[in-house]
């Protein structure tokens, strides 16, 4: 496991300084973003007021957001990573247009400002075809379109990068980890109704939204929304995650790494790289580059070491392309 050293600036009272308790709180919220502050305080051995005060401060120091993520596979939807080449000076407008779509999750500007990369989950085949075959093909100034369907995720979705920082002791992590989705429920197709969709939309913006807010959004009773929330989490449709700025944690370099791997070595390579502390997302995808990674590093030297020592040691890897992320235009939540 990776031990992250926060990149604090100034003294311990500086608003930009993070300490061990901050890291523990971030990891706790990634384990269970809806954990009551009283429960967190009990396990970490601090007061409720301290937890509440630190979480409020983290919203400012690292732009902490707690969000409800939907596992689109449980809804029968396929995820795509789309790479769009564009002319000079056109990336910002294209990225802003994509960020305005409800079906995009991440939108990044990369490759010297001439490429936009987005994660997208069309809600139907018609929406997929309309975007990939019609809209993007007709959009002026797009020079290339490369669409990669996510076939298998080795790390990502409910498994998030903060789990790799080892801020919590093992017994603390066990005490705060929520129950895993029920295998029986998770295996069934899930078709959300209007109440589910209203709750999921509210939780996407605020993963800690309370029962009263969920009641107002759905018109249902408190008991009903609590049951729905429990079912959405038990089926694996919903998991609570955190979004945050990485630089205060010392991770200033973010990159996408595209690998071409032999079919026989794809699974082993995906699993091996997914276990690395630098990797926050790893998936087998369609296309000539069939393994996609999102990595976080302290600096270019650590990225170089990851590429030469970790990727370079895998004999099944035939080609590597690395693209630095310059700007994130859209994350899971609205900042």
C-alpha atoms as a PDB file:
ATOM      1  CA  UNK A   1       0.000   0.000   0.000  1.00  0.00           C
ATOM      2  CA  UNK A   2       1.067   3.569  -0.693  1.00  0.00           C
ATOM      3  CA  UNK A   3       1.733   6.046   2.109  1.00  0.00           C
ATOM      4  CA  UNK A   4       0.918   9.542   0.833  1.00  0.00           C
ATOM      5  CA  UNK A   5       2.656  12.556   2.330  1.00  0.00           C
ATOM      6  CA  UNK A   6       0.424  15.617   2.036  1.00  0.00           C
ATOM      7  CA  UNK A   7       1.883  18.622   0.263  1.00  0.00           C
ATOM      8  CA  UNK A   8       1.133  21.221   2.906  1.00  0.00           C
ATOM      9  CA  UNK A   9       2.105  24.837   2.530  1.00  0.00           C
ATOM     10  CA  UNK A  10       2.822  27.061   5.498  1.00  0.00           C
ATOM     11  CA  UNK A  11       2.403  26.139   9.156  1.00  0.00           C
ATOM     12  CA  UNK A  12      -0.083  23.739  10.766  1.00  0.00           C
ATOM     13  CA  UNK A  13      -2.740  26.460  10.889  1.00  0.00           C
ATOM     14  CA  UNK A  14      -2.406  27.274   7.212  1.00  0.00           C
ATOM     15  CA  UNK A  15      -5.654  26.566   5.312  1.00  0.00           C
ATOM     16  CA  UNK A  16      -3.648  24.661   2.691  1.00  0.00           C
ATOM     17  CA  UNK A  17      -1.926  22.303   5.133  1.00  0.00           C
ATOM     18  CA  UNK A  18      -3.124  18.693   5.421  1.00  0.00           C
ATOM     19  CA  UNK A  19      -2.163  16.356   8.234  1.00  0.00           C
ATOM     20  CA  UNK A  20      -2.644  12.695   9.080  1.00  0.00           C
ATOM     21  CA  UNK A  21      -6.185  13.236  10.399  1.00  0.00           C
ATOM     22  CA  UNK A  22      -7.163  14.953   7.150  1.00  0.00           C
ATOM     23  CA  UNK A  23      -5.902  11.957   5.175  1.00  0.00           C
ATOM     24  CA  UNK A  24      -7.785   9.570   7.442  1.00  0.00           C
ATOM     25  CA  UNK A  25     -11.000  11.538   7.013  1.00  0.00           C
ATOM     26  CA  UNK A  26     -10.602  11.550   3.234  1.00  0.00           C
ATOM     27  CA  UNK A  27     -10.100   7.795   3.213  1.00  0.00           C
ATOM     28  CA  UNK A  28     -13.045   7.253   5.578  1.00  0.00           C
ATOM     29  CA  UNK A  29     -15.355   9.269   3.342  1.00  0.00           C
ATOM     30  CA  UNK A  30     -14.194   7.301   0.334  1.00  0.00           C
ATOM     31  CA  UNK A  31     -15.003   4.067   2.169  1.00  0.00           C
ATOM     32  CA  UNK A  32     -18.443   5.351   3.156  1.00  0.00           C
ATOM     33  CA  UNK A  33     -19.304   8.909   2.259  1.00  0.00           C
ATOM     34  CA  UNK A  34     -22.537   8.704   4.263  1.00  0.00           C
ATOM     35  CA  UNK A  35     -20.946   7.491   7.500  1.00  0.00           C
ATOM     36  CA  UNK A  36     -22.273   9.567  10.442  1.00  0.00           C
ATOM     37  CA  UNK A  37     -19.730  11.961  11.895  1.00  0.00           C
ATOM     38  CA  UNK A  38     -20.381  10.443  15.327  1.00  0.00           C
ATOM     39  CA  UNK A  39     -19.356   7.007  14.056  1.00  0.00           C
ATOM     40  CA  UNK A  40     -16.255   8.387  12.338  1.00  0.00           C
ATOM     41  CA  UNK A  41     -15.273  10.270  15.504  1.00  0.00           C
ATOM     42  CA  UNK A  42     -15.654   7.145  17.656  1.00  0.00           C
ATOM     43  CA  UNK A  43     -13.441   5.013  15.406  1.00  0.00           C
ATOM     44  CA  UNK A  44     -10.776   7.703  14.911  1.00  0.00           C
ATOM     45  CA  UNK A  45     -10.718   8.686  18.582  1.00  0.00           C
ATOM     46  CA  UNK A  46     -11.634  12.353  18.123  1.00  0.00           C
ATOM     47  CA  UNK A  47     -14.720  14.439  18.882  1.00  0.00           C
ATOM     48  CA  UNK A  48     -17.766  14.856  16.628  1.00  0.00           C
ATOM     49  CA  UNK A  49     -17.003  18.584  16.446  1.00  0.00           C
ATOM     50  CA  UNK A  50     -13.470  17.903  15.250  1.00  0.00           C
ATOM     51  CA  UNK A  51     -14.734  15.672  12.437  1.00  0.00           C
ATOM     52  CA  UNK A  52     -17.342  18.226  11.355  1.00  0.00           C
ATOM     53  CA  UNK A  53     -14.812  21.083  11.466  1.00  0.00           C
ATOM     54  CA  UNK A  54     -12.156  19.163   9.523  1.00  0.00           C
ATOM     55  CA  UNK A  55     -14.631  18.057   6.836  1.00  0.00           C
ATOM     56  CA  UNK A  56     -15.767  21.661   6.384  1.00  0.00           C
ATOM     57  CA  UNK A  57     -12.129  22.711   6.061  1.00  0.00           C
ATOM     58  CA  UNK A  58     -11.417  19.967   3.510  1.00  0.00           C
ATOM     59  CA  UNK A  59     -14.201  21.341   1.339  1.00  0.00           C
ATOM     60  CA  UNK A  60     -12.008  24.411   0.987  1.00  0.00           C
ATOM     61  CA  UNK A  61      -8.453  23.028   1.087  1.00  0.00           C
ATOM     62  CA  UNK A  62      -8.935  20.160  -1.386  1.00  0.00           C
ATOM     63  CA  UNK A  63     -12.338  21.078  -2.843  1.00  0.00           C
ATOM     64  CA  UNK A  64     -13.837  17.947  -1.259  1.00  0.00           C
ATOM     65  CA  UNK A  65     -17.148  16.778  -2.721  1.00  0.00           C
ATOM     66  CA  UNK A  66     -19.091  13.660  -1.719  1.00  0.00           C
ATOM     67  CA  UNK A  67     -21.035  12.221  -4.633  1.00  0.00           C
ATOM     68  CA  UNK A  68     -23.327   9.300  -5.347  1.00  0.00           C
ATOM     69  CA  UNK A  69     -21.999   7.254  -8.257  1.00  0.00           C
ATOM     70  CA  UNK A  70     -24.159   4.927 -10.312  1.00  0.00           C
ATOM     71  CA  UNK A  71     -22.776   1.596 -11.495  1.00  0.00           C
ATOM     72  CA  UNK A  72     -23.991   1.821 -15.072  1.00  0.00           C
ATOM     73  CA  UNK A  73     -23.327  -1.863 -15.693  1.00  0.00           C
ATOM     74  CA  UNK A  74     -26.076  -2.642 -13.153  1.00  0.00           C
ATOM     75  CA  UNK A  75     -28.422  -0.533 -15.297  1.00  0.00           C
ATOM     76  CA  UNK A  76     -27.417  -2.311 -18.500  1.00  0.00           C
ATOM     77  CA  UNK A  77     -25.376   0.616 -19.851  1.00  0.00           C
ATOM     78  CA  UNK A  78     -21.905   0.395 -21.387  1.00  0.00           C
ATOM     79  CA  UNK A  79     -19.240   2.969 -20.585  1.00  0.00           C
ATOM     80  CA  UNK A  80     -17.085   4.575 -23.275  1.00  0.00           C
ATOM     81  CA  UNK A  81     -13.850   6.557 -23.295  1.00  0.00           C
ATOM     82  CA  UNK A  82     -13.863   8.943 -26.260  1.00  0.00           C
ATOM     83  CA  UNK A  83     -10.771  10.729 -27.562  1.00  0.00           C
ATOM     84  CA  UNK A  84     -11.360  13.746 -29.776  1.00  0.00           C
ATOM     85  CA  UNK A  85      -8.594  15.507 -31.665  1.00  0.00           C
ATOM     86  CA  UNK A  86      -9.284  19.129 -32.504  1.00  0.00           C
ATOM     87  CA  UNK A  87      -7.669  22.174 -34.044  1.00  0.00           C
ATOM     88  CA  UNK A  88      -5.642  24.708 -32.025  1.00  0.00           C
ATOM     89  CA  UNK A  89      -7.769  26.893 -29.783  1.00  0.00           C
ATOM     90  CA  UNK A  90     -10.850  24.692 -30.092  1.00  0.00           C
ATOM     91  CA  UNK A  91     -10.460  22.332 -27.110  1.00  0.00           C
ATOM     92  CA  UNK A  92     -12.033  24.564 -24.459  1.00  0.00           C
ATOM     93  CA  UNK A  93     -15.263  25.129 -26.374  1.00  0.00           C
ATOM     94  CA  UNK A  94     -15.553  21.448 -27.311  1.00  0.00           C
ATOM     95  CA  UNK A  95     -14.885  20.359 -23.732  1.00  0.00           C
ATOM     96  CA  UNK A  96     -17.497  22.784 -22.407  1.00  0.00           C
ATOM     97  CA  UNK A  97     -20.084  21.414 -24.828  1.00  0.00           C
ATOM     98  CA  UNK A  98     -19.397  17.843 -23.756  1.00  0.00           C
ATOM     99  CA  UNK A  99     -19.442  18.840 -20.083  1.00  0.00           C
ATOM    100  CA  UNK A 100     -22.994  20.103 -20.568  1.00  0.00           C
ATOM    101  CA  UNK A 101     -24.240  16.637 -21.507  1.00  0.00           C
ATOM    102  CA  UNK A 102     -25.923  14.623 -18.743  1.00  0.00           C
ATOM    103  CA  UNK A 103     -24.233  11.387 -19.852  1.00  0.00           C
ATOM    104  CA  UNK A 104     -20.607  12.565 -19.515  1.00  0.00           C
ATOM    105  CA  UNK A 105     -18.727  11.865 -16.270  1.00  0.00           C
ATOM    106  CA  UNK A 106     -15.250  13.250 -16.829  1.00  0.00           C
ATOM    107  CA  UNK A 107     -14.127  15.707 -19.489  1.00  0.00           C
ATOM    108  CA  UNK A 108     -10.409  16.515 -19.752  1.00  0.00           C
ATOM    109  CA  UNK A 109      -8.246  18.633 -22.025  1.00  0.00           C
ATOM    110  CA  UNK A 110      -4.979  16.869 -22.831  1.00  0.00           C
ATOM    111  CA  UNK A 111      -2.107  16.543 -25.296  1.00  0.00           C
ATOM    112  CA  UNK A 112      -1.002  20.145 -25.506  1.00  0.00           C
ATOM    113  CA  UNK A 113      -4.549  21.426 -25.752  1.00  0.00           C
ATOM    114  CA  UNK A 114      -5.394  19.651 -29.007  1.00  0.00           C
ATOM    115  CA  UNK A 115      -7.239  16.632 -27.537  1.00  0.00           C
ATOM    116  CA  UNK A 116     -10.390  16.298 -25.442  1.00  0.00           C
ATOM    117  CA  UNK A 117     -10.959  13.030 -23.578  1.00  0.00           C
ATOM    118  CA  UNK A 118     -14.271  12.186 -21.947  1.00  0.00           C
ATOM    119  CA  UNK A 119     -15.876   9.285 -20.128  1.00  0.00           C
ATOM    120  CA  UNK A 120     -19.438   8.858 -21.277  1.00  0.00           C
ATOM    121  CA  UNK A 121     -22.280   6.442 -20.605  1.00  0.00           C
ATOM    122  CA  UNK A 122     -25.079   6.748 -23.163  1.00  0.00           C
ATOM    123  CA  UNK A 123     -28.438   5.749 -21.704  1.00  0.00           C
ATOM    124  CA  UNK A 124     -29.496   3.871 -24.839  1.00  0.00           C
ATOM    125  CA  UNK A 125     -28.145   2.563 -28.136  1.00  0.00           C
ATOM    126  CA  UNK A 126     -29.913   5.409 -29.892  1.00  0.00           C
ATOM    127  CA  UNK A 127     -28.108   8.000 -27.743  1.00  0.00           C
ATOM    128  CA  UNK A 128     -24.799   6.242 -28.362  1.00  0.00           C
ATOM    129  CA  UNK A 129     -25.281   6.190 -32.142  1.00  0.00           C
ATOM    130  CA  UNK A 130     -26.523   9.782 -32.193  1.00  0.00           C
ATOM    131  CA  UNK A 131     -23.374  10.961 -30.414  1.00  0.00           C
ATOM    132  CA  UNK A 132     -20.714   8.773 -32.028  1.00  0.00           C
ATOM    133  CA  UNK A 133     -22.116   8.445 -35.556  1.00  0.00           C
ATOM    134  CA  UNK A 134     -23.859  11.777 -36.012  1.00  0.00           C
ATOM    135  CA  UNK A 135     -23.068  14.663 -33.651  1.00  0.00           C
ATOM    136  CA  UNK A 136     -19.319  14.218 -33.267  1.00  0.00           C
ATOM    137  CA  UNK A 137     -18.839  13.447 -36.956  1.00  0.00           C
ATOM    138  CA  UNK A 138     -20.609  16.707 -37.900  1.00  0.00           C
ATOM    139  CA  UNK A 139     -18.942  18.918 -35.278  1.00  0.00           C
ATOM    140  CA  UNK A 140     -16.613  21.467 -36.921  1.00  0.00           C
ATOM    141  CA  UNK A 141     -12.908  21.421 -36.049  1.00  0.00           C
ATOM    142  CA  UNK A 142     -12.896  17.812 -34.724  1.00  0.00           C
ATOM    143  CA  UNK A 143     -10.059  16.165 -36.606  1.00  0.00           C
ATOM    144  CA  UNK A 144     -10.157  12.639 -35.130  1.00  0.00           C
ATOM    145  CA  UNK A 145     -12.627  10.510 -33.175  1.00  0.00           C
ATOM    146  CA  UNK A 146     -11.528   7.403 -31.262  1.00  0.00           C
ATOM    147  CA  UNK A 147     -14.174   5.623 -29.166  1.00  0.00           C
ATOM    148  CA  UNK A 148     -13.244   2.825 -26.746  1.00  0.00           C
ATOM    149  CA  UNK A 149     -15.944   0.714 -25.091  1.00  0.00           C
ATOM    150  CA  UNK A 150     -15.060  -0.349 -21.535  1.00  0.00           C
ATOM    151  CA  UNK A 151     -15.093  -4.157 -21.514  1.00  0.00           C
ATOM    152  CA  UNK A 152     -13.845  -4.922 -18.002  1.00  0.00           C
ATOM    153  CA  UNK A 153     -12.808  -2.670 -15.126  1.00  0.00           C
ATOM    154  CA  UNK A 154      -9.858  -3.866 -13.028  1.00  0.00           C
ATOM    155  CA  UNK A 155      -9.866  -0.852 -10.737  1.00  0.00           C
ATOM    156  CA  UNK A 156     -12.295   2.043 -10.529  1.00  0.00           C
ATOM    157  CA  UNK A 157     -16.031   2.517  -9.987  1.00  0.00           C
ATOM    158  CA  UNK A 158     -16.557   1.669  -6.299  1.00  0.00           C
ATOM    159  CA  UNK A 159     -12.795   1.072  -5.827  1.00  0.00           C
ATOM    160  CA  UNK A 160     -11.268   4.524  -5.553  1.00  0.00           C
ATOM    161  CA  UNK A 161      -7.687   5.807  -5.358  1.00  0.00           C
ATOM    162  CA  UNK A 162      -7.758   6.943  -1.706  1.00  0.00           C
ATOM    163  CA  UNK A 163      -8.044   3.325  -0.587  1.00  0.00           C
ATOM    164  CA  UNK A 164      -4.400   3.002  -1.586  1.00  0.00           C
ATOM    165  CA  UNK A 165      -2.983   5.711   0.682  1.00  0.00           C
ATOM    166  CA  UNK A 166      -2.989   3.593   3.879  1.00  0.00           C
ATOM    167  CA  UNK A 167      -3.951   6.453   6.182  1.00  0.00           C
ATOM    168  CA  UNK A 168      -6.251   4.199   8.226  1.00  0.00           C
ATOM    169  CA  UNK A 169      -5.177   1.335  10.420  1.00  0.00           C
ATOM    170  CA  UNK A 170      -6.614  -2.022   9.280  1.00  0.00           C
ATOM    171  CA  UNK A 171      -8.986  -2.229  12.257  1.00  0.00           C
ATOM    172  CA  UNK A 172     -10.245   1.303  11.573  1.00  0.00           C
ATOM    173  CA  UNK A 173     -10.897   0.432   7.966  1.00  0.00           C
ATOM    174  CA  UNK A 174     -12.777  -2.727   8.943  1.00  0.00           C
ATOM    175  CA  UNK A 175     -14.922  -0.773  11.429  1.00  0.00           C
ATOM    176  CA  UNK A 176     -15.910   1.861   8.877  1.00  0.00           C
ATOM    177  CA  UNK A 177     -16.253  -0.166   5.683  1.00  0.00           C
ATOM    178  CA  UNK A 178     -19.948  -0.497   4.719  1.00  0.00           C
ATOM    179  CA  UNK A 179     -21.409  -3.927   3.907  1.00  0.00           C
ATOM    180  CA  UNK A 180     -20.616  -5.169   0.428  1.00  0.00           C
ATOM    181  CA  UNK A 181     -23.519  -5.389  -2.037  1.00  0.00           C
ATOM    182  CA  UNK A 182     -25.578  -8.542  -1.614  1.00  0.00           C
ATOM    183  CA  UNK A 183     -24.466 -11.111  -4.237  1.00  0.00           C
ATOM    184  CA  UNK A 184     -28.056 -12.169  -4.799  1.00  0.00           C
ATOM    185  CA  UNK A 185     -29.398  -8.664  -5.283  1.00  0.00           C
ATOM    186  CA  UNK A 186     -26.380  -7.495  -7.270  1.00  0.00           C
ATOM    187  CA  UNK A 187     -26.890 -10.290  -9.800  1.00  0.00           C
ATOM    188  CA  UNK A 188     -30.389  -9.197 -10.749  1.00  0.00           C
ATOM    189  CA  UNK A 189     -31.092  -6.618 -13.456  1.00  0.00           C
ATOM    190  CA  UNK A 190     -32.164  -3.337 -11.879  1.00  0.00           C
ATOM    191  CA  UNK A 191     -34.661  -1.022 -13.552  1.00  0.00           C
ATOM    192  CA  UNK A 192     -34.906   2.278 -11.630  1.00  0.00           C
ATOM    193  CA  UNK A 193     -38.281   3.958 -11.347  1.00  0.00           C
ATOM    194  CA  UNK A 194     -39.005   7.686 -11.062  1.00  0.00           C
ATOM    195  CA  UNK A 195     -38.310   7.688  -7.311  1.00  0.00           C
ATOM    196  CA  UNK A 196     -34.942   5.978  -7.769  1.00  0.00           C
ATOM    197  CA  UNK A 197     -33.957   8.381 -10.525  1.00  0.00           C
ATOM    198  CA  UNK A 198     -34.874  11.428  -8.450  1.00  0.00           C
ATOM    199  CA  UNK A 199     -32.811  10.133  -5.525  1.00  0.00           C
ATOM    200  CA  UNK A 200     -29.848   9.244  -7.719  1.00  0.00           C
ATOM    201  CA  UNK A 201     -29.826  12.702  -9.303  1.00  0.00           C
ATOM    202  CA  UNK A 202     -29.841  14.426  -5.896  1.00  0.00           C
ATOM    203  CA  UNK A 203     -27.147  12.108  -4.538  1.00  0.00           C
ATOM    204  CA  UNK A 204     -24.994  12.713  -7.625  1.00  0.00           C
ATOM    205  CA  UNK A 205     -24.707  16.342  -6.532  1.00  0.00           C
ATOM    206  CA  UNK A 206     -24.600  15.689  -2.767  1.00  0.00           C
ATOM    207  CA  UNK A 207     -23.803  12.156  -1.683  1.00  0.00           C
ATOM    208  CA  UNK A 208     -24.603  13.042   1.947  1.00  0.00           C
ATOM    209  CA  UNK A 209     -28.068  14.441   1.212  1.00  0.00           C
ATOM    210  CA  UNK A 210     -30.275  13.747   4.219  1.00  0.00           C
ATOM    211  CA  UNK A 211     -33.650  12.058   4.502  1.00  0.00           C
ATOM    212  CA  UNK A 212     -35.495  15.395   4.471  1.00  0.00           C
ATOM    213  CA  UNK A 213     -33.843  16.408   1.184  1.00  0.00           C
ATOM    214  CA  UNK A 214     -34.571  13.007  -0.346  1.00  0.00           C
ATOM    215  CA  UNK A 215     -38.191  13.329   0.783  1.00  0.00           C
ATOM    216  CA  UNK A 216     -38.545  16.705  -0.907  1.00  0.00           C
ATOM    217  CA  UNK A 217     -36.991  15.392  -4.114  1.00  0.00           C
ATOM    218  CA  UNK A 218     -39.279  12.350  -4.300  1.00  0.00           C
ATOM    219  CA  UNK A 219     -42.454  13.179  -2.371  1.00  0.00           C
ATOM    220  CA  UNK A 220     -42.051   9.915  -0.461  1.00  0.00           C
ATOM    221  CA  UNK A 221     -41.997   9.336   3.297  1.00  0.00           C
ATOM    222  CA  UNK A 222     -38.783   9.240   5.298  1.00  0.00           C
ATOM    223  CA  UNK A 223     -39.142   5.491   5.852  1.00  0.00           C
ATOM    224  CA  UNK A 224     -39.666   4.954   2.119  1.00  0.00           C
ATOM    225  CA  UNK A 225     -36.590   6.914   1.029  1.00  0.00           C
ATOM    226  CA  UNK A 226     -34.447   5.170   3.632  1.00  0.00           C
ATOM    227  CA  UNK A 227     -35.560   1.784   2.284  1.00  0.00           C
ATOM    228  CA  UNK A 228     -34.882   2.893  -1.270  1.00  0.00           C
ATOM    229  CA  UNK A 229     -31.445   4.169  -0.341  1.00  0.00           C
ATOM    230  CA  UNK A 230     -30.564   0.906   1.377  1.00  0.00           C
ATOM    231  CA  UNK A 231     -31.736  -1.080  -1.642  1.00  0.00           C
ATOM    232  CA  UNK A 232     -29.829   1.060  -4.140  1.00  0.00           C
ATOM    233  CA  UNK A 233     -26.635   0.485  -2.150  1.00  0.00           C
ATOM    234  CA  UNK A 234     -27.321  -3.203  -1.440  1.00  0.00           C
ATOM    235  CA  UNK A 235     -27.844  -3.940  -5.138  1.00  0.00           C
ATOM    236  CA  UNK A 236     -24.615  -2.172  -6.075  1.00  0.00           C
ATOM    237  CA  UNK A 237     -26.463   0.368  -8.226  1.00  0.00           C
ATOM    238  CA  UNK A 238     -25.277   3.223  -5.985  1.00  0.00           C
ATOM    239  CA  UNK A 239     -21.958   3.746  -4.250  1.00  0.00           C
ATOM    240  CA  UNK A 240     -20.769   6.864  -2.488  1.00  0.00           C
ATOM    241  CA  UNK A 241     -17.441   8.335  -3.571  1.00  0.00           C
ATOM    242  CA  UNK A 242     -15.426  11.491  -3.071  1.00  0.00           C
ATOM    243  CA  UNK A 243     -13.973  13.981  -5.521  1.00  0.00           C
ATOM    244  CA  UNK A 244     -11.058  16.191  -4.505  1.00  0.00           C
ATOM    245  CA  UNK A 245      -8.097  18.133  -5.834  1.00  0.00           C
ATOM    246  CA  UNK A 246      -4.970  15.969  -5.870  1.00  0.00           C
ATOM    247  CA  UNK A 247      -2.211  18.556  -5.702  1.00  0.00           C
ATOM    248  CA  UNK A 248      -2.569  19.236  -1.935  1.00  0.00           C
ATOM    249  CA  UNK A 249      -1.903  15.501  -1.468  1.00  0.00           C
ATOM    250  CA  UNK A 250       1.321  15.793  -3.427  1.00  0.00           C
ATOM    251  CA  UNK A 251      -0.019  14.293  -6.665  1.00  0.00           C
ATOM    252  CA  UNK A 252       0.647  16.983  -9.280  1.00  0.00           C
ATOM    253  CA  UNK A 253       0.901  14.848 -12.438  1.00  0.00           C
ATOM    254  CA  UNK A 254      -2.186  13.177 -13.887  1.00  0.00           C
ATOM    255  CA  UNK A 255      -1.949  11.109 -17.055  1.00  0.00           C
ATOM    256  CA  UNK A 256      -3.776   8.611 -19.212  1.00  0.00           C
ATOM    257  CA  UNK A 257      -1.698   5.644 -20.313  1.00  0.00           C
ATOM    258  CA  UNK A 258      -2.879   3.653 -23.310  1.00  0.00           C
ATOM    259  CA  UNK A 259      -1.360   0.189 -23.697  1.00  0.00           C
ATOM    260  CA  UNK A 260      -1.436  -2.318 -26.528  1.00  0.00           C
ATOM    261  CA  UNK A 261      -1.277  -5.754 -24.874  1.00  0.00           C
ATOM    262  CA  UNK A 262      -1.392  -9.241 -26.344  1.00  0.00           C
ATOM    263  CA  UNK A 263      -4.813 -10.866 -25.784  1.00  0.00           C
ATOM    264  CA  UNK A 264      -3.301 -13.690 -23.746  1.00  0.00           C
ATOM    265  CA  UNK A 265      -1.565 -11.265 -21.397  1.00  0.00           C
ATOM    266  CA  UNK A 266      -4.310  -8.664 -21.081  1.00  0.00           C
ATOM    267  CA  UNK A 267      -5.931  -9.914 -17.879  1.00  0.00           C
ATOM    268  CA  UNK A 268      -2.649 -10.439 -16.032  1.00  0.00           C
ATOM    269  CA  UNK A 269      -1.338  -7.026 -17.106  1.00  0.00           C
ATOM    270  CA  UNK A 270      -4.581  -5.314 -16.111  1.00  0.00           C
ATOM    271  CA  UNK A 271      -4.603  -6.894 -12.661  1.00  0.00           C
ATOM    272  CA  UNK A 272      -0.916  -6.249 -12.014  1.00  0.00           C
ATOM    273  CA  UNK A 273      -1.087  -2.570 -12.942  1.00  0.00           C
ATOM    274  CA  UNK A 274      -4.411  -2.032 -11.139  1.00  0.00           C
ATOM    275  CA  UNK A 275      -2.672  -3.000  -7.890  1.00  0.00           C
ATOM    276  CA  UNK A 276      -0.089  -0.223  -8.257  1.00  0.00           C
ATOM    277  CA  UNK A 277      -0.560   2.823  -5.981  1.00  0.00           C
ATOM    278  CA  UNK A 278      -0.215   5.194  -8.932  1.00  0.00           C
ATOM    279  CA  UNK A 279      -3.247   3.729 -10.719  1.00  0.00           C
ATOM    280  CA  UNK A 280      -6.708   5.064  -9.944  1.00  0.00           C
ATOM    281  CA  UNK A 281      -8.483   3.510 -12.951  1.00  0.00           C
ATOM    282  CA  UNK A 282      -7.636   0.498 -15.100  1.00  0.00           C
ATOM    283  CA  UNK A 283      -9.868  -1.129 -17.703  1.00  0.00           C
ATOM    284  CA  UNK A 284      -9.761  -3.376 -20.730  1.00  0.00           C
ATOM    285  CA  UNK A 285     -11.217  -1.474 -23.676  1.00  0.00           C
ATOM    286  CA  UNK A 286     -11.917  -1.967 -27.347  1.00  0.00           C
ATOM    287  CA  UNK A 287      -9.518  -0.611 -29.917  1.00  0.00           C
ATOM    288  CA  UNK A 288      -5.900  -0.936 -30.941  1.00  0.00           C
ATOM    289  CA  UNK A 289      -4.884   0.220 -27.465  1.00  0.00           C
ATOM    290  CA  UNK A 290      -6.775  -2.315 -25.378  1.00  0.00           C
ATOM    291  CA  UNK A 291      -5.779  -1.366 -21.798  1.00  0.00           C
ATOM    292  CA  UNK A 292      -6.488   2.133 -20.481  1.00  0.00           C
ATOM    293  CA  UNK A 293      -5.019   3.510 -17.239  1.00  0.00           C
ATOM    294  CA  UNK A 294      -5.521   6.746 -15.342  1.00  0.00           C
ATOM    295  CA  UNK A 295      -2.529   7.412 -13.106  1.00  0.00           C
ATOM    296  CA  UNK A 296      -1.572   9.960 -10.449  1.00  0.00           C
ATOM    297  CA  UNK A 297       2.073  10.738  -9.685  1.00  0.00           C
ATOM    298  CA  UNK A 298       4.017  13.176  -7.540  1.00  0.00           C
ATOM    299  CA  UNK A 299       6.090  14.447 -10.455  1.00  0.00           C
ATOM    300  CA  UNK A 300       7.330  13.483 -13.932  1.00  0.00           C
ATOM    301  CA  UNK A 301      10.108  11.391 -12.399  1.00  0.00           C
ATOM    302  CA  UNK A 302       7.615   9.108 -10.647  1.00  0.00           C
ATOM    303  CA  UNK A 303       5.628   8.771 -13.887  1.00  0.00           C
ATOM    304  CA  UNK A 304       8.864   7.852 -15.672  1.00  0.00           C
ATOM    305  CA  UNK A 305       9.573   5.187 -13.049  1.00  0.00           C
ATOM    306  CA  UNK A 306       6.051   3.787 -13.366  1.00  0.00           C
ATOM    307  CA  UNK A 307       6.385   3.504 -17.146  1.00  0.00           C
ATOM    308  CA  UNK A 308       9.875   2.040 -17.208  1.00  0.00           C
ATOM    309  CA  UNK A 309       9.752  -0.215 -14.159  1.00  0.00           C
ATOM    310  CA  UNK A 310       6.111  -1.284 -13.853  1.00  0.00           C
ATOM    311  CA  UNK A 311       4.760  -1.140 -17.403  1.00  0.00           C
ATOM    312  CA  UNK A 312       8.153  -1.944 -18.878  1.00  0.00           C
ATOM    313  CA  UNK A 313       8.445  -5.165 -16.898  1.00  0.00           C
ATOM    314  CA  UNK A 314       5.335  -6.684 -18.524  1.00  0.00           C
ATOM    315  CA  UNK A 315       6.348  -8.777 -21.504  1.00  0.00           C
ATOM    316  CA  UNK A 316       2.814  -8.775 -22.948  1.00  0.00           C
ATOM    317  CA  UNK A 317       2.874  -5.004 -23.497  1.00  0.00           C
ATOM    318  CA  UNK A 318       3.613  -4.197 -27.123  1.00  0.00           C
ATOM    319  CA  UNK A 319       3.158  -0.405 -27.229  1.00  0.00           C
ATOM    320  CA  UNK A 320       2.581   2.498 -24.830  1.00  0.00           C
ATOM    321  CA  UNK A 321       1.130   5.963 -25.314  1.00  0.00           C
ATOM    322  CA  UNK A 322       1.119   8.491 -22.453  1.00  0.00           C
ATOM    323  CA  UNK A 323      -1.050  11.618 -22.493  1.00  0.00           C
ATOM    324  CA  UNK A 324      -0.872  14.227 -19.719  1.00  0.00           C
ATOM    325  CA  UNK A 325      -4.112  15.754 -18.449  1.00  0.00           C
ATOM    326  CA  UNK A 326      -3.822  19.528 -18.626  1.00  0.00           C
ATOM    327  CA  UNK A 327      -7.216  20.573 -17.272  1.00  0.00           C
ATOM    328  CA  UNK A 328     -10.269  18.802 -15.883  1.00  0.00           C
ATOM    329  CA  UNK A 329     -13.364  20.520 -17.251  1.00  0.00           C
ATOM    330  CA  UNK A 330     -15.945  18.209 -15.690  1.00  0.00           C
ATOM    331  CA  UNK A 331     -15.795  15.798 -12.766  1.00  0.00           C
ATOM    332  CA  UNK A 332     -18.568  13.732 -11.184  1.00  0.00           C
ATOM    333  CA  UNK A 333     -20.024  16.700  -9.377  1.00  0.00           C
ATOM    334  CA  UNK A 334     -20.438  20.363 -10.072  1.00  0.00           C
ATOM    335  CA  UNK A 335     -17.764  22.239  -8.117  1.00  0.00           C
END
